[in-house]
Protein backbone atom coordinates (compact mmCIF):
# COMPACT_ATOMS: atom_id res chain seq x y z
CA MET A 1 22.20 50.11 -22.30
CA GLY A 2 20.31 47.58 -20.03
CA ILE A 3 22.15 45.68 -18.05
CA VAL A 4 20.96 42.65 -17.21
CA PHE A 5 21.98 39.58 -14.49
CA ALA A 6 21.95 36.46 -14.88
CA SER A 7 21.86 34.18 -11.71
CA CYS A 8 23.27 30.66 -11.98
CA LYS A 9 21.75 28.90 -8.94
CA LYS A 10 22.87 25.75 -8.45
CA ASP A 11 20.79 22.41 -8.37
CA GLU A 12 20.67 21.44 -4.36
CA PRO A 13 22.51 18.59 -3.87
CA GLU A 14 20.23 15.35 -3.75
CA VAL A 15 20.77 14.07 0.24
CA ILE A 16 18.48 10.86 2.57
CA ASN A 17 18.98 11.87 5.95
CA ALA A 18 18.07 8.84 7.87
CA ASP A 19 18.84 7.79 11.10
CA ASP A 20 19.65 4.20 12.60
CA PHE A 21 16.54 2.43 14.68
CA THR A 22 16.63 0.98 17.72
CA ALA A 23 13.56 -0.06 19.75
CA SER A 24 13.07 -2.60 23.55
CA THR A 25 10.33 -5.79 23.06
CA GLY A 26 9.89 -8.93 24.82
CA ALA A 27 10.15 -12.34 23.13
CA MET A 28 6.53 -12.63 23.25
CA LEU A 29 5.85 -10.79 20.06
CA ARG A 30 2.87 -11.68 17.35
CA ASP A 31 3.24 -12.34 13.93
CA GLY A 32 2.04 -8.56 12.10
CA ASN A 33 3.73 -6.67 15.54
CA VAL A 34 4.36 -2.95 14.65
CA LEU A 35 8.20 -2.28 16.13
CA GLY A 36 7.99 1.13 14.87
CA THR A 37 9.09 3.38 11.62
CA ILE A 38 12.69 4.03 10.55
CA ASN A 39 13.30 7.88 10.39
CA ALA A 40 14.23 8.82 7.35
CA SER A 41 13.67 12.09 4.64
CA THR A 42 15.18 13.35 1.05
CA ASN A 43 14.85 16.45 -0.37
CA LYS A 44 14.46 14.64 -3.90
CA GLY A 45 12.16 12.04 -4.93
CA THR A 46 10.73 9.22 -2.61
CA LEU A 47 11.87 7.25 -0.76
CA THR A 48 11.60 3.27 -0.69
CA TYR A 49 12.92 0.99 1.71
CA THR A 50 14.55 -2.41 1.20
CA LEU A 51 15.20 -5.23 4.17
CA ALA A 52 19.48 -6.13 2.87
CA SER A 53 19.86 -8.30 6.04
CA GLN A 54 18.91 -9.47 9.15
CA SER A 55 20.45 -12.06 11.98
CA ILE A 56 17.07 -13.85 12.49
CA ALA A 57 16.26 -15.01 9.69
CA GLY A 58 12.83 -13.72 8.11
CA ALA A 59 11.83 -12.38 11.94
CA ILE A 60 10.99 -8.88 10.16
CA THR A 61 10.13 -7.20 6.83
CA VAL A 62 9.78 -4.17 5.94
CA ASN A 63 7.71 -1.36 4.25
CA ALA A 64 9.18 -0.96 0.78
CA SER A 65 7.11 2.69 1.43
CA THR A 66 6.65 3.80 4.97
CA GLY A 67 9.80 2.41 6.07
CA GLN A 68 7.30 0.66 9.07
CA ILE A 69 9.44 -2.21 10.97
CA VAL A 70 6.72 -5.79 11.52
CA VAL A 71 7.25 -8.39 13.02
CA ALA A 72 6.68 -10.94 10.22
CA ASP A 73 7.91 -14.47 11.75
CA SER A 74 6.97 -14.21 16.09
CA ASP A 75 8.35 -18.21 16.18
CA ASN A 76 12.15 -17.08 15.08
CA PHE A 77 12.43 -14.22 18.02
CA TYR A 78 11.19 -17.41 20.99
CA GLU A 79 13.02 -20.25 19.08
CA VAL A 80 16.26 -18.27 19.27
CA TYR A 81 15.85 -16.34 22.11
CA CYS A 82 14.13 -18.25 24.62
CA ARG A 83 14.85 -21.68 23.83
CA LEU A 84 18.24 -21.61 22.37
CA ASN A 85 18.94 -18.45 24.47
CA SER A 86 21.73 -17.33 21.95
CA VAL A 87 20.13 -13.96 20.53
CA LYS A 88 19.75 -11.20 22.91
CA THR A 89 19.61 -8.31 20.56
CA PHE A 90 17.77 -8.65 17.10
CA THR A 91 19.72 -6.53 14.15
CA ALA A 92 19.24 -5.94 10.55
CA GLU A 93 20.48 -3.38 8.10
CA VAL A 94 18.05 -1.79 5.43
CA PHE A 95 18.72 -0.14 2.24
CA ILE A 96 17.30 3.48 1.95
CA SER A 97 16.82 5.10 -1.81
CA ASN A 98 15.28 7.74 -3.44
CA GLY A 99 16.20 6.14 -7.01
CA SER A 100 19.51 8.46 -7.26
CA ILE A 101 20.93 7.91 -4.08
CA SER A 102 21.24 5.65 -0.67
CA LYS A 103 21.29 4.91 2.31
CA THR A 104 22.40 2.17 4.52
CA ILE A 105 21.25 1.94 8.44
CA LYS A 106 21.15 -0.40 11.01
CA VAL A 107 18.42 -1.44 13.07
CA THR A 108 18.77 -2.92 16.70
CA ILE A 109 15.91 -4.35 18.97
CA GLU A 110 16.68 -5.32 22.56
CA LEU A 111 14.96 -8.41 23.18
CA LYS A 112 13.81 -8.45 27.27
CA MET A 113 14.08 -12.18 29.09
CA GLU A 114 11.51 -11.69 31.08
CA ASP A 115 9.17 -12.90 28.55
CA CYS A 116 10.03 -15.88 27.91
CA LYS A 117 8.32 -18.45 29.98
CA GLY A 118 10.36 -21.28 31.67
């Protein structure tokens, strides 16, 4: 008589690890400037990135497959920060998903006043 051992390995739970994104830059940006890339990973599937909200409408975009944050409309940064002097910190939220689970992170970009022409 033999003994058979069967293991019941539990599936590892799906996780998304992602850090909030913080950067510092001048207000004199150009369309297409890369501000950085979101640091995120998952143990299952492929991540997708979606811009959920932003404090200056249309200012940035997020690459859906890489998480790269890019200036979409530099005039928006300049107008709101330099001319109106109403925003010193740009904020946004990015939704990250692997198809099954998701996580939302914060994006914070400090704008430097010395780049404004007086």
